[in-house]
Amino acid sequence: MSQERPERAPTPRRSAGAARASRAQGSGAATWPSMAADLLGLVGFAGVVTGAWLVYEPAGLIIAGVLMLGAGIGIARRSPELHESHPTGGDE
């Protein structure tokens, strides 16, 4: 008496890099390119504000405020969570 094993569908093979990327996305960890982009953005922000501060001190504060305001608006526009929790209005 032999028991037959049920056939399983073949699973596609993934590279080790793809497996790591899948685990990183699942855990919510940021990827290296996104972290590098954030770091470069912060360094650029600091450079612009410092340069304006060296030219005229109040200008550094004004430039910092304008850049932070712009960054906040840009992040709010791209964030899907904000769009879902604050509908644009209209009849429902």
PDB file of N, CA and C in Angstrom:
ATOM      1  N   MET A   1       0.836  -1.164   0.000  1.00  0.00           N
ATOM      2  CA  MET A   1       0.000   0.000   0.000  1.00  0.00           C
ATOM      3  C   MET A   1       0.885   1.232   0.000  1.00  0.00           C
ATOM      4  N   SER A   2       0.803   1.915  -1.035  1.00  0.00           N
ATOM      5  CA  SER A   2       1.587   3.146  -1.110  1.00  0.00           C
ATOM      6  C   SER A   2       0.641   4.336  -1.144  1.00  0.00           C
ATOM      7  N   GLN A   3       1.026   5.343  -0.419  1.00  0.00           N
ATOM      8  CA  GLN A   3       0.231   6.562  -0.411  1.00  0.00           C
ATOM      9  C   GLN A   3       0.831   7.535  -1.419  1.00  0.00           C
ATOM     10  N   GLU A   4      -0.047   8.131  -2.171  1.00  0.00           N
ATOM     11  CA  GLU A   4       0.432   9.093  -3.151  1.00  0.00           C
ATOM     12  C   GLU A   4       0.467  10.482  -2.531  1.00  0.00           C
ATOM     13  N   ARG A   5       1.520  11.170  -2.792  1.00  0.00           N
ATOM     14  CA  ARG A   5       1.636  12.531  -2.302  1.00  0.00           C
ATOM     15  C   ARG A   5       0.925  13.473  -3.269  1.00  0.00           C
ATOM     16  N   PRO A   6       0.217  14.447  -2.719  1.00  0.00           N
ATOM     17  CA  PRO A   6      -0.428  15.405  -3.619  1.00  0.00           C
ATOM     18  C   PRO A   6       0.644  16.271  -4.296  1.00  0.00           C
ATOM     19  N   GLU A   7       0.380  16.605  -5.550  1.00  0.00           N
ATOM     20  CA  GLU A   7       1.338  17.421  -6.283  1.00  0.00           C
ATOM     21  C   GLU A   7       1.229  18.875  -5.836  1.00  0.00           C
ATOM     22  N   ARG A   8       2.390  19.477  -5.674  1.00  0.00           N
ATOM     23  CA  ARG A   8       2.428  20.888  -5.313  1.00  0.00           C
ATOM     24  C   ARG A   8       2.880  21.684  -6.528  1.00  0.00           C
ATOM     25  N   ALA A   9       2.333  22.889  -6.619  1.00  0.00           N
ATOM     26  CA  ALA A   9       2.742  23.768  -7.707  1.00  0.00           C
ATOM     27  C   ALA A   9       4.165  24.243  -7.429  1.00  0.00           C
ATOM     28  N   PRO A  10       4.989  24.331  -8.455  1.00  0.00           N
ATOM     29  CA  PRO A  10       6.357  24.794  -8.226  1.00  0.00           C
ATOM     30  C   PRO A  10       6.353  26.265  -7.799  1.00  0.00           C
ATOM     31  N   THR A  11       7.201  26.558  -6.844  1.00  0.00           N
ATOM     32  CA  THR A  11       7.306  27.944  -6.376  1.00  0.00           C
ATOM     33  C   THR A  11       8.426  28.628  -7.151  1.00  0.00           C
ATOM     34  N   PRO A  12       8.195  29.865  -7.553  1.00  0.00           N
ATOM     35  CA  PRO A  12       9.248  30.556  -8.295  1.00  0.00           C
ATOM     36  C   PRO A  12      10.443  30.856  -7.397  1.00  0.00           C
ATOM     37  N   ARG A  13      11.632  30.777  -7.965  1.00  0.00           N
ATOM     38  CA  ARG A  13      12.848  31.031  -7.210  1.00  0.00           C
ATOM     39  C   ARG A  13      13.105  32.526  -7.187  1.00  0.00           C
ATOM     40  N   ARG A  14      13.470  33.038  -6.014  1.00  0.00           N
ATOM     41  CA  ARG A  14      13.796  34.451  -5.890  1.00  0.00           C
ATOM     42  C   ARG A  14      15.247  34.589  -5.494  1.00  0.00           C
ATOM     43  N   SER A  15      15.832  35.677  -5.923  1.00  0.00           N
ATOM     44  CA  SER A  15      17.216  35.928  -5.543  1.00  0.00           C
ATOM     45  C   SER A  15      17.267  36.306  -4.066  1.00  0.00           C
ATOM     46  N   ALA A  16      18.451  36.230  -3.504  1.00  0.00           N
ATOM     47  CA  ALA A  16      18.603  36.603  -2.093  1.00  0.00           C
ATOM     48  C   ALA A  16      18.289  38.074  -1.890  1.00  0.00           C
ATOM     49  N   GLY A  17      18.648  38.916  -2.854  1.00  0.00           N
ATOM     50  CA  GLY A  17      18.355  40.346  -2.744  1.00  0.00           C
ATOM     51  C   GLY A  17      16.868  40.615  -2.742  1.00  0.00           C
ATOM     52  N   ALA A  18      16.125  39.908  -3.583  1.00  0.00           N
ATOM     53  CA  ALA A  18      14.674  40.087  -3.629  1.00  0.00           C
ATOM     54  C   ALA A  18      14.030  39.619  -2.324  1.00  0.00           C
ATOM     55  N   ALA A  19      14.548  38.559  -1.747  1.00  0.00           N
ATOM     56  CA  ALA A  19      14.011  38.076  -0.480  1.00  0.00           C
ATOM     57  C   ALA A  19      14.270  39.087   0.633  1.00  0.00           C
ATOM     58  N   ARG A  20      15.479  39.673   0.652  1.00  0.00           N
ATOM     59  CA  ARG A  20      15.784  40.695   1.661  1.00  0.00           C
ATOM     60  C   ARG A  20      14.913  41.922   1.485  1.00  0.00           C
ATOM     61  N   ALA A  21      14.714  42.347   0.239  1.00  0.00           N
ATOM     62  CA  ALA A  21      13.879  43.519  -0.021  1.00  0.00           C
ATOM     63  C   ALA A  21      12.444  43.261   0.407  1.00  0.00           C
ATOM     64  N   SER A  22      11.966  42.036   0.183  1.00  0.00           N
ATOM     65  CA  SER A  22      10.607  41.688   0.580  1.00  0.00           C
ATOM     66  C   SER A  22      10.471  41.723   2.102  1.00  0.00           C
ATOM     67  N   ARG A  23      11.473  41.208   2.806  1.00  0.00           N
ATOM     68  CA  ARG A  23      11.432  41.236   4.261  1.00  0.00           C
ATOM     69  C   ARG A  23      11.506  42.664   4.770  1.00  0.00           C
ATOM     70  N   ALA A  24      12.331  43.493   4.155  1.00  0.00           N
ATOM     71  CA  ALA A  24      12.473  44.884   4.599  1.00  0.00           C
ATOM     72  C   ALA A  24      11.172  45.644   4.400  1.00  0.00           C
ATOM     73  N   GLN A  25      10.484  45.419   3.291  1.00  0.00           N
ATOM     74  CA  GLN A  25       9.228  46.098   3.048  1.00  0.00           C
ATOM     75  C   GLN A  25       8.167  45.624   4.020  1.00  0.00           C
ATOM     76  N   GLY A  26       8.168  44.358   4.326  1.00  0.00           N
ATOM     77  CA  GLY A  26       7.172  43.816   5.239  1.00  0.00           C
ATOM     78  C   GLY A  26       7.355  44.321   6.657  1.00  0.00           C
ATOM     79  N   SER A  27       8.600  44.586   7.050  1.00  0.00           N
ATOM     80  CA  SER A  27       8.856  45.032   8.421  1.00  0.00           C
ATOM     81  C   SER A  27       8.748  46.540   8.564  1.00  0.00           C
ATOM     82  N   GLY A  28       8.578  47.252   7.471  1.00  0.00           N
ATOM     83  CA  GLY A  28       8.454  48.694   7.538  1.00  0.00           C
ATOM     84  C   GLY A  28       9.790  49.410   7.571  1.00  0.00           C
ATOM     85  N   ALA A  29      10.881  48.683   7.393  1.00  0.00           N
ATOM     86  CA  ALA A  29      12.200  49.306   7.404  1.00  0.00           C
ATOM     87  C   ALA A  29      12.404  50.093   6.115  1.00  0.00           C
ATOM     88  N   ALA A  30      13.056  51.227   6.231  1.00  0.00           N
ATOM     89  CA  ALA A  30      13.335  52.049   5.063  1.00  0.00           C
ATOM     90  C   ALA A  30      14.466  51.417   4.256  1.00  0.00           C
ATOM     91  N   THR A  31      14.421  51.607   2.958  1.00  0.00           N
ATOM     92  CA  THR A  31      15.478  51.070   2.111  1.00  0.00           C
ATOM     93  C   THR A  31      16.601  52.082   2.024  1.00  0.00           C
ATOM     94  N   TRP A  32      17.773  51.624   1.616  1.00  0.00           N
ATOM     95  CA  TRP A  32      18.950  52.478   1.556  1.00  0.00           C
ATOM     96  C   TRP A  32      18.744  53.693   0.647  1.00  0.00           C
ATOM     97  N   PRO A  33      18.206  53.558  -0.573  1.00  0.00           N
ATOM     98  CA  PRO A  33      18.042  54.762  -1.411  1.00  0.00           C
ATOM     99  C   PRO A  33      17.131  55.811  -0.786  1.00  0.00           C
ATOM    100  N   SER A  34      16.078  55.395  -0.110  1.00  0.00           N
ATOM    101  CA  SER A  34      15.194  56.388   0.503  1.00  0.00           C
ATOM    102  C   SER A  34      15.875  57.069   1.689  1.00  0.00           C
ATOM    103  N   MET A  35      16.685  56.317   2.443  1.00  0.00           N
ATOM    104  CA  MET A  35      17.412  56.932   3.551  1.00  0.00           C
ATOM    105  C   MET A  35      18.464  57.898   3.026  1.00  0.00           C
ATOM    106  N   ALA A  36      19.138  57.540   1.935  1.00  0.00           N
ATOM    107  CA  ALA A  36      20.146  58.422   1.355  1.00  0.00           C
ATOM    108  C   ALA A  36      19.496  59.697   0.831  1.00  0.00           C
ATOM    109  N   ALA A  37      18.336  59.582   0.212  1.00  0.00           N
ATOM    110  CA  ALA A  37      17.632  60.759  -0.295  1.00  0.00           C
ATOM    111  C   ALA A  37      17.224  61.676   0.860  1.00  0.00           C
ATOM    112  N   ASP A  38      16.749  61.104   1.952  1.00  0.00           N
ATOM    113  CA  ASP A  38      16.386  61.912   3.127  1.00  0.00           C
ATOM    114  C   ASP A  38      17.610  62.616   3.708  1.00  0.00           C
ATOM    115  N   LEU A  39      18.709  61.896   3.804  1.00  0.00           N
ATOM    116  CA  LEU A  39      19.932  62.476   4.353  1.00  0.00           C
ATOM    117  C   LEU A  39      20.440  63.611   3.460  1.00  0.00           C
ATOM    118  N   LEU A  40      20.442  63.398   2.157  1.00  0.00           N
ATOM    119  CA  LEU A  40      20.884  64.450   1.244  1.00  0.00           C
ATOM    120  C   LEU A  40      19.965  65.661   1.314  1.00  0.00           C
ATOM    121  N   GLY A  41      18.682  65.436   1.469  1.00  0.00           N
ATOM    122  CA  GLY A  41      17.744  66.545   1.613  1.00  0.00           C
ATOM    123  C   GLY A  41      18.019  67.363   2.862  1.00  0.00           C
ATOM    124  N   LEU A  42      18.295  66.681   3.972  1.00  0.00           N
ATOM    125  CA  LEU A  42      18.599  67.390   5.221  1.00  0.00           C
ATOM    126  C   LEU A  42      19.906  68.172   5.133  1.00  0.00           C
ATOM    127  N   VAL A  43      20.909  67.573   4.512  1.00  0.00           N
ATOM    128  CA  VAL A  43      22.188  68.261   4.368  1.00  0.00           C
ATOM    129  C   VAL A  43      22.029  69.467   3.439  1.00  0.00           C
ATOM    130  N   GLY A  44      21.274  69.313   2.366  1.00  0.00           N
ATOM    131  CA  GLY A  44      21.016  70.435   1.469  1.00  0.00           C
ATOM    132  C   GLY A  44      20.254  71.555   2.158  1.00  0.00           C
ATOM    133  N   PHE A  45      19.259  71.174   2.950  1.00  0.00           N
ATOM    134  CA  PHE A  45      18.487  72.159   3.721  1.00  0.00           C
ATOM    135  C   PHE A  45      19.412  72.941   4.648  1.00  0.00           C
ATOM    136  N   ALA A  46      20.273  72.226   5.363  1.00  0.00           N
ATOM    137  CA  ALA A  46      21.201  72.878   6.296  1.00  0.00           C
ATOM    138  C   ALA A  46      22.166  73.792   5.551  1.00  0.00           C
ATOM    139  N   GLY A  47      22.631  73.377   4.381  1.00  0.00           N
ATOM    140  CA  GLY A  47      23.551  74.203   3.610  1.00  0.00           C
ATOM    141  C   GLY A  47      22.911  75.492   3.127  1.00  0.00           C
ATOM    142  N   VAL A  48      21.691  75.409   2.623  1.00  0.00           N
ATOM    143  CA  VAL A  48      20.999  76.609   2.145  1.00  0.00           C
ATOM    144  C   VAL A  48      20.736  77.570   3.300  1.00  0.00           C
ATOM    145  N   VAL A  49      20.237  77.042   4.400  1.00  0.00           N
ATOM    146  CA  VAL A  49      19.922  77.895   5.551  1.00  0.00           C
ATOM    147  C   VAL A  49      21.199  78.518   6.133  1.00  0.00           C
ATOM    148  N   THR A  50      22.271  77.741   6.222  1.00  0.00           N
ATOM    149  CA  THR A  50      23.533  78.276   6.747  1.00  0.00           C
ATOM    150  C   THR A  50      24.089  79.364   5.831  1.00  0.00           C
ATOM    151  N   GLY A  51      24.013  79.145   4.519  1.00  0.00           N
ATOM    152  CA  GLY A  51      24.484  80.153   3.580  1.00  0.00           C
ATOM    153  C   GLY A  51      23.693  81.442   3.696  1.00  0.00           C
ATOM    154  N   ALA A  52      22.379  81.336   3.801  1.00  0.00           N
ATOM    155  CA  ALA A  52      21.555  82.539   3.968  1.00  0.00           C
ATOM    156  C   ALA A  52      21.877  83.214   5.296  1.00  0.00           C
ATOM    157  N   TRP A  53      22.115  82.435   6.338  1.00  0.00           N
ATOM    158  CA  TRP A  53      22.437  82.987   7.663  1.00  0.00           C
ATOM    159  C   TRP A  53      23.759  83.763   7.612  1.00  0.00           C
ATOM    160  N   LEU A  54      24.723  83.247   6.863  1.00  0.00           N
ATOM    161  CA  LEU A  54      26.016  83.926   6.767  1.00  0.00           C
ATOM    162  C   LEU A  54      25.903  85.255   6.011  1.00  0.00           C
ATOM    163  N   VAL A  55      24.983  85.327   5.056  1.00  0.00           N
ATOM    164  CA  VAL A  55      24.793  86.563   4.318  1.00  0.00           C
ATOM    165  C   VAL A  55      24.070  87.589   5.181  1.00  0.00           C
ATOM    166  N   TYR A  56      22.963  87.156   5.788  1.00  0.00           N
ATOM    167  CA  TYR A  56      22.154  88.072   6.607  1.00  0.00           C
ATOM    168  C   TYR A  56      21.386  87.205   7.592  1.00  0.00           C
ATOM    169  N   GLU A  57      21.626  87.353   8.873  1.00  0.00           N
ATOM    170  CA  GLU A  57      21.090  86.439   9.885  1.00  0.00           C
ATOM    171  C   GLU A  57      19.578  86.247   9.821  1.00  0.00           C
ATOM    172  N   PRO A  58      18.768  87.306   9.744  1.00  0.00           N
ATOM    173  CA  PRO A  58      17.323  87.065   9.660  1.00  0.00           C
ATOM    174  C   PRO A  58      16.905  86.299   8.400  1.00  0.00           C
ATOM    175  N   ALA A  59      17.688  86.421   7.341  1.00  0.00           N
ATOM    176  CA  ALA A  59      17.370  85.686   6.118  1.00  0.00           C
ATOM    177  C   ALA A  59      17.459  84.174   6.353  1.00  0.00           C
ATOM    178  N   GLY A  60      18.390  83.748   7.189  1.00  0.00           N
ATOM    179  CA  GLY A  60      18.504  82.315   7.501  1.00  0.00           C
ATOM    180  C   GLY A  60      17.240  81.778   8.147  1.00  0.00           C
ATOM    181  N   LEU A  61      16.675  82.548   9.062  1.00  0.00           N
ATOM    182  CA  LEU A  61      15.435  82.125   9.722  1.00  0.00           C
ATOM    183  C   LEU A  61      14.254  82.126   8.748  1.00  0.00           C
ATOM    184  N   ILE A  62      14.208  83.138   7.891  1.00  0.00           N
ATOM    185  CA  ILE A  62      13.108  83.213   6.916  1.00  0.00           C
ATOM    186  C   ILE A  62      13.191  82.058   5.925  1.00  0.00           C
ATOM    187  N   ILE A  63      14.386  81.797   5.411  1.00  0.00           N
ATOM    188  CA  ILE A  63      14.571  80.697   4.455  1.00  0.00           C
ATOM    189  C   ILE A  63      14.231  79.360   5.113  1.00  0.00           C
ATOM    190  N   ALA A  64      14.657  79.164   6.364  1.00  0.00           N
ATOM    191  CA  ALA A  64      14.341  77.907   7.068  1.00  0.00           C
ATOM    192  C   ALA A  64      12.834  77.728   7.199  1.00  0.00           C
ATOM    193  N   GLY A  65      12.125  78.795   7.560  1.00  0.00           N
ATOM    194  CA  GLY A  65      10.674  78.700   7.695  1.00  0.00           C
ATOM    195  C   GLY A  65       9.989  78.398   6.380  1.00  0.00           C
ATOM    196  N   VAL A  66      10.428  79.049   5.306  1.00  0.00           N
ATOM    197  CA  VAL A  66       9.820  78.814   3.986  1.00  0.00           C
ATOM    198  C   VAL A  66      10.076  77.384   3.523  1.00  0.00           C
ATOM    199  N   LEU A  67      11.310  76.901   3.700  1.00  0.00           N
ATOM    200  CA  LEU A  67      11.611  75.527   3.278  1.00  0.00           C
ATOM    201  C   LEU A  67      10.840  74.498   4.097  1.00  0.00           C
ATOM    202  N   MET A  68      10.704  74.715   5.397  1.00  0.00           N
ATOM    203  CA  MET A  68       9.938  73.774   6.223  1.00  0.00           C
ATOM    204  C   MET A  68       8.459  73.807   5.866  1.00  0.00           C
ATOM    205  N   LEU A  69       7.935  74.983   5.591  1.00  0.00           N
ATOM    206  CA  LEU A  69       6.539  75.098   5.172  1.00  0.00           C
ATOM    207  C   LEU A  69       6.314  74.364   3.852  1.00  0.00           C
ATOM    208  N   GLY A  70       7.215  74.558   2.913  1.00  0.00           N
ATOM    209  CA  GLY A  70       7.109  73.861   1.632  1.00  0.00           C
ATOM    210  C   GLY A  70       7.218  72.348   1.779  1.00  0.00           C
ATOM    211  N   ALA A  71       8.137  71.893   2.618  1.00  0.00           N
ATOM    212  CA  ALA A  71       8.287  70.449   2.849  1.00  0.00           C
ATOM    213  C   ALA A  71       7.038  69.873   3.505  1.00  0.00           C
ATOM    214  N   GLY A  72       6.470  70.593   4.466  1.00  0.00           N
ATOM    215  CA  GLY A  72       5.254  70.120   5.133  1.00  0.00           C
ATOM    216  C   GLY A  72       4.080  70.009   4.171  1.00  0.00           C
ATOM    217  N   ILE A  73       3.927  70.988   3.293  1.00  0.00           N
ATOM    218  CA  ILE A  73       2.844  70.935   2.306  1.00  0.00           C
ATOM    219  C   ILE A  73       3.079  69.794   1.327  1.00  0.00           C
ATOM    220  N   GLY A  74       4.326  69.621   0.883  1.00  0.00           N
ATOM    221  CA  GLY A  74       4.633  68.532  -0.042  1.00  0.00           C
ATOM    222  C   GLY A  74       4.379  67.160   0.559  1.00  0.00           C
ATOM    223  N   ILE A  75       4.749  66.976   1.811  1.00  0.00           N
ATOM    224  CA  ILE A  75       4.516  65.694   2.480  1.00  0.00           C
ATOM    225  C   ILE A  75       3.018  65.453   2.661  1.00  0.00           C
ATOM    226  N   ALA A  76       2.287  66.500   3.032  1.00  0.00           N
ATOM    227  CA  ALA A  76       0.847  66.347   3.234  1.00  0.00           C
ATOM    228  C   ALA A  76       0.137  65.983   1.933  1.00  0.00           C
ATOM    229  N   ARG A  77       0.586  66.510   0.822  1.00  0.00           N
ATOM    230  CA  ARG A  77      -0.043  66.196  -0.464  1.00  0.00           C
ATOM    231  C   ARG A  77       0.219  64.765  -0.893  1.00  0.00           C
ATOM    232  N   ARG A  78       1.377  64.216  -0.529  1.00  0.00           N
ATOM    233  CA  ARG A  78       1.725  62.860  -0.946  1.00  0.00           C
ATOM    234  C   ARG A  78       1.274  61.781   0.026  1.00  0.00           C
ATOM    235  N   SER A  79       0.811  62.159   1.197  1.00  0.00           N
ATOM    236  CA  SER A  79       0.466  61.182   2.221  1.00  0.00           C
ATOM    237  C   SER A  79      -0.954  60.661   2.014  1.00  0.00           C
ATOM    238  N   PRO A  80      -1.114  59.369   1.681  1.00  0.00           N
ATOM    239  CA  PRO A  80      -2.461  58.827   1.476  1.00  0.00           C
ATOM    240  C   PRO A  80      -3.281  58.773   2.758  1.00  0.00           C
ATOM    241  N   GLU A  81      -2.617  58.668   3.922  1.00  0.00           N
ATOM    242  CA  GLU A  81      -3.363  58.612   5.178  1.00  0.00           C
ATOM    243  C   GLU A  81      -4.113  59.915   5.423  1.00  0.00           C
ATOM    244  N   LEU A  82      -3.499  61.030   5.081  1.00  0.00           N
ATOM    245  CA  LEU A  82      -4.155  62.315   5.290  1.00  0.00           C
ATOM    246  C   LEU A  82      -5.352  62.485   4.364  1.00  0.00           C
ATOM    247  N   HIS A  83      -5.251  61.970   3.164  1.00  0.00           N
ATOM    248  CA  HIS A  83      -6.359  62.109   2.222  1.00  0.00           C
ATOM    249  C   HIS A  83      -7.554  61.257   2.635  1.00  0.00           C
ATOM    250  N   GLU A  84      -7.282  60.093   3.239  1.00  0.00           N
ATOM    251  CA  GLU A  84      -8.374  59.221   3.668  1.00  0.00           C
ATOM    252  C   GLU A  84      -9.070  59.756   4.910  1.00  0.00           C
ATOM    253  N   SER A  85      -8.318  60.373   5.832  1.00  0.00           N
ATOM    254  CA  SER A  85      -8.915  60.825   7.085  1.00  0.00           C
ATOM    255  C   SER A  85      -9.565  62.197   6.959  1.00  0.00           C
ATOM    256  N   HIS A  86      -9.216  62.957   5.941  1.00  0.00           N
ATOM    257  CA  HIS A  86      -9.794  64.291   5.726  1.00  0.00           C
ATOM    258  C   HIS A  86     -10.342  64.380   4.302  1.00  0.00           C
ATOM    259  N   PRO A  87     -11.586  63.934   4.094  1.00  0.00           N
ATOM    260  CA  PRO A  87     -12.131  63.990   2.739  1.00  0.00           C
ATOM    261  C   PRO A  87     -12.247  65.417   2.258  1.00  0.00           C
ATOM    262  N   THR A  88     -12.244  65.590   0.959  1.00  0.00           N
ATOM    263  CA  THR A  88     -12.261  66.931   0.376  1.00  0.00           C
ATOM    264  C   THR A  88     -13.620  67.575   0.464  1.00  0.00           C
ATOM    265  N   GLY A  89     -14.631  66.854   0.841  1.00  0.00           N
ATOM    266  CA  GLY A  89     -15.972  67.435   0.984  1.00  0.00           C
ATOM    267  C   GLY A  89     -16.900  66.929  -0.098  1.00  0.00           C
ATOM    268  N   GLY A  90     -18.053  67.573  -0.199  1.00  0.00           N
ATOM    269  CA  GLY A  90     -19.021  67.137  -1.193  1.00  0.00           C
ATOM    270  C   GLY A  90     -20.120  66.331  -0.549  1.00  0.00           C
ATOM    271  N   ASP A  91     -21.124  66.033  -1.329  1.00  0.00           N
ATOM    272  CA  ASP A  91     -22.255  65.245  -0.821  1.00  0.00           C
ATOM    273  C   ASP A  91     -21.897  63.785  -0.777  1.00  0.00           C
ATOM    274  N   GLU A  92     -22.269  63.143   0.297  1.00  0.00           N
ATOM    275  CA  GLU A  92     -21.962  61.718   0.433  1.00  0.00           C
ATOM    276  C   GLU A  92     -23.220  60.896   0.375  1.00  0.00           C
TER     277      GLU A  92
END
